[in-house]
């Protein structure tokens, strides 16, 4: 009887480990996908800043494409603009 209980516990542990590894792979893929999207968004912002587009329009664009709030989107654009101008990040 103890042997059967031990096998059940081991199978349950193996199942849990398998689920955790699968979840980890999915999370890693989501992180990679988000990074690619962030890089694309950053490139689009840089292009718009270089073209002299109105900063308010760029912040609105960022909000629409990222889901960020107004303050976060503005800081994001400000930091990219500061990098372009050779200045440090805006706080």
C-alpha atoms as a PDB file:
ATOM      1  CA  UNK A   1       0.000   0.000   0.000  1.00  0.00           C
ATOM      2  CA  UNK A   2       2.857   2.376   0.808  1.00  0.00           C
ATOM      3  CA  UNK A   3       4.409   1.589  -2.562  1.00  0.00           C
ATOM      4  CA  UNK A   4       1.235   2.624  -4.423  1.00  0.00           C
ATOM      5  CA  UNK A   5       1.021   5.840  -2.411  1.00  0.00           C
ATOM      6  CA  UNK A   6       4.645   6.611  -3.218  1.00  0.00           C
ATOM      7  CA  UNK A   7       4.058   6.050  -6.933  1.00  0.00           C
ATOM      8  CA  UNK A   8       0.988   8.325  -6.856  1.00  0.00           C
ATOM      9  CA  UNK A   9       2.959  11.071  -5.117  1.00  0.00           C
ATOM     10  CA  UNK A  10       5.831  10.741  -7.607  1.00  0.00           C
ATOM     11  CA  UNK A  11       3.456  10.874 -10.578  1.00  0.00           C
ATOM     12  CA  UNK A  12       1.743  13.936  -9.142  1.00  0.00           C
ATOM     13  CA  UNK A  13       5.119  15.618  -8.608  1.00  0.00           C
ATOM     14  CA  UNK A  14       6.178  14.803 -12.181  1.00  0.00           C
ATOM     15  CA  UNK A  15       2.901  16.212 -13.485  1.00  0.00           C
ATOM     16  CA  UNK A  16       3.328  19.431 -11.492  1.00  0.00           C
ATOM     17  CA  UNK A  17       6.916  19.839 -12.707  1.00  0.00           C
ATOM     18  CA  UNK A  18       5.793  19.298 -16.291  1.00  0.00           C
ATOM     19  CA  UNK A  19       3.082  21.945 -15.971  1.00  0.00           C
ATOM     20  CA  UNK A  20       5.547  24.409 -14.436  1.00  0.00           C
ATOM     21  CA  UNK A  21       8.080  23.893 -17.241  1.00  0.00           C
ATOM     22  CA  UNK A  22       5.360  24.381 -19.850  1.00  0.00           C
ATOM     23  CA  UNK A  23       4.179  27.562 -18.129  1.00  0.00           C
ATOM     24  CA  UNK A  24       7.763  28.818 -17.990  1.00  0.00           C
ATOM     25  CA  UNK A  25       8.204  28.264 -21.746  1.00  0.00           C
ATOM     26  CA  UNK A  26       5.002  30.186 -22.467  1.00  0.00           C
ATOM     27  CA  UNK A  27       6.121  33.034 -20.198  1.00  0.00           C
ATOM     28  CA  UNK A  28       9.522  33.204 -21.893  1.00  0.00           C
ATOM     29  CA  UNK A  29       7.817  33.387 -25.296  1.00  0.00           C
ATOM     30  CA  UNK A  30       5.542  36.195 -24.089  1.00  0.00           C
ATOM     31  CA  UNK A  31       8.543  38.131 -22.775  1.00  0.00           C
ATOM     32  CA  UNK A  32      10.347  37.688 -26.105  1.00  0.00           C
ATOM     33  CA  UNK A  33       7.249  38.794 -28.037  1.00  0.00           C
ATOM     34  CA  UNK A  34       6.855  41.857 -25.800  1.00  0.00           C
ATOM     35  CA  UNK A  35      10.504  42.774 -26.286  1.00  0.00           C
ATOM     36  CA  UNK A  36      10.114  42.655 -30.067  1.00  0.00           C
ATOM     37  CA  UNK A  37       6.974  44.799 -29.846  1.00  0.00           C
ATOM     38  CA  UNK A  38       8.768  47.288 -27.563  1.00  0.00           C
ATOM     39  CA  UNK A  39      11.640  47.559 -30.021  1.00  0.00           C
ATOM     40  CA  UNK A  40       9.223  48.162 -32.911  1.00  0.00           C
ATOM     41  CA  UNK A  41       7.350  50.800 -30.912  1.00  0.00           C
ATOM     42  CA  UNK A  42      10.605  52.503 -29.933  1.00  0.00           C
ATOM     43  CA  UNK A  43      11.746  52.576 -33.579  1.00  0.00           C
ATOM     44  CA  UNK A  44       8.407  54.112 -34.601  1.00  0.00           C
ATOM     45  CA  UNK A  45       8.729  56.765 -31.880  1.00  0.00           C
ATOM     46  CA  UNK A  46      12.283  57.604 -32.971  1.00  0.00           C
ATOM     47  CA  UNK A  47      11.140  57.952 -36.578  1.00  0.00           C
ATOM     48  CA  UNK A  48       8.310  60.275 -35.535  1.00  0.00           C
ATOM     49  CA  UNK A  49      10.593  62.387 -33.335  1.00  0.00           C
ATOM     50  CA  UNK A  50      13.159  62.716 -36.116  1.00  0.00           C
ATOM     51  CA  UNK A  51      10.395  63.716 -38.545  1.00  0.00           C
ATOM     52  CA  UNK A  52       9.447  66.522 -36.159  1.00  0.00           C
ATOM     53  CA  UNK A  53       5.996  65.198 -35.355  1.00  0.00           C
ATOM     54  CA  UNK A  54       4.158  66.921 -32.513  1.00  0.00           C
ATOM     55  CA  UNK A  55       5.109  65.355 -29.173  1.00  0.00           C
ATOM     56  CA  UNK A  56       1.484  65.285 -28.000  1.00  0.00           C
ATOM     57  CA  UNK A  57       0.588  63.194 -31.056  1.00  0.00           C
ATOM     58  CA  UNK A  58       3.497  60.851 -30.344  1.00  0.00           C
ATOM     59  CA  UNK A  59       2.392  60.384 -26.726  1.00  0.00           C
ATOM     60  CA  UNK A  60      -1.142  59.652 -27.935  1.00  0.00           C
ATOM     61  CA  UNK A  61       0.284  57.130 -30.410  1.00  0.00           C
ATOM     62  CA  UNK A  62       2.235  55.427 -27.618  1.00  0.00           C
ATOM     63  CA  UNK A  63      -0.846  55.259 -25.421  1.00  0.00           C
ATOM     64  CA  UNK A  64      -2.887  53.678 -28.216  1.00  0.00           C
ATOM     65  CA  UNK A  65      -0.253  51.084 -29.067  1.00  0.00           C
ATOM     66  CA  UNK A  66       1.032  50.194 -25.610  1.00  0.00           C
ATOM     67  CA  UNK A  67      -1.847  50.629 -23.204  1.00  0.00           C
ATOM     68  CA  UNK A  68       0.294  52.910 -21.021  1.00  0.00           C
ATOM     69  CA  UNK A  69      -1.270  55.744 -19.084  1.00  0.00           C
ATOM     70  CA  UNK A  70      -0.671  59.393 -19.966  1.00  0.00           C
ATOM     71  CA  UNK A  71       2.165  59.970 -17.487  1.00  0.00           C
ATOM     72  CA  UNK A  72       3.952  56.709 -18.326  1.00  0.00           C
ATOM     73  CA  UNK A  73       3.641  57.291 -22.083  1.00  0.00           C
ATOM     74  CA  UNK A  74       4.991  60.844 -21.761  1.00  0.00           C
ATOM     75  CA  UNK A  75       7.961  59.654 -19.676  1.00  0.00           C
ATOM     76  CA  UNK A  76       8.622  56.910 -22.223  1.00  0.00           C
ATOM     77  CA  UNK A  77       8.674  59.420 -25.094  1.00  0.00           C
ATOM     78  CA  UNK A  78      10.733  61.904 -23.050  1.00  0.00           C
ATOM     79  CA  UNK A  79      13.345  59.234 -22.292  1.00  0.00           C
ATOM     80  CA  UNK A  80      13.620  58.205 -25.937  1.00  0.00           C
ATOM     81  CA  UNK A  81      13.933  61.855 -26.944  1.00  0.00           C
ATOM     82  CA  UNK A  82      16.609  62.425 -24.280  1.00  0.00           C
ATOM     83  CA  UNK A  83      18.571  59.426 -25.601  1.00  0.00           C
ATOM     84  CA  UNK A  84      18.373  60.854 -29.121  1.00  0.00           C
ATOM     85  CA  UNK A  85      19.693  64.185 -27.875  1.00  0.00           C
ATOM     86  CA  UNK A  86      22.498  62.568 -25.878  1.00  0.00           C
ATOM     87  CA  UNK A  87      21.010  63.432 -22.495  1.00  0.00           C
ATOM     88  CA  UNK A  88      20.356  61.144 -19.583  1.00  0.00           C
ATOM     89  CA  UNK A  89      16.976  59.592 -18.798  1.00  0.00           C
ATOM     90  CA  UNK A  90      14.168  61.832 -17.593  1.00  0.00           C
ATOM     91  CA  UNK A  91      12.825  61.027 -14.138  1.00  0.00           C
END
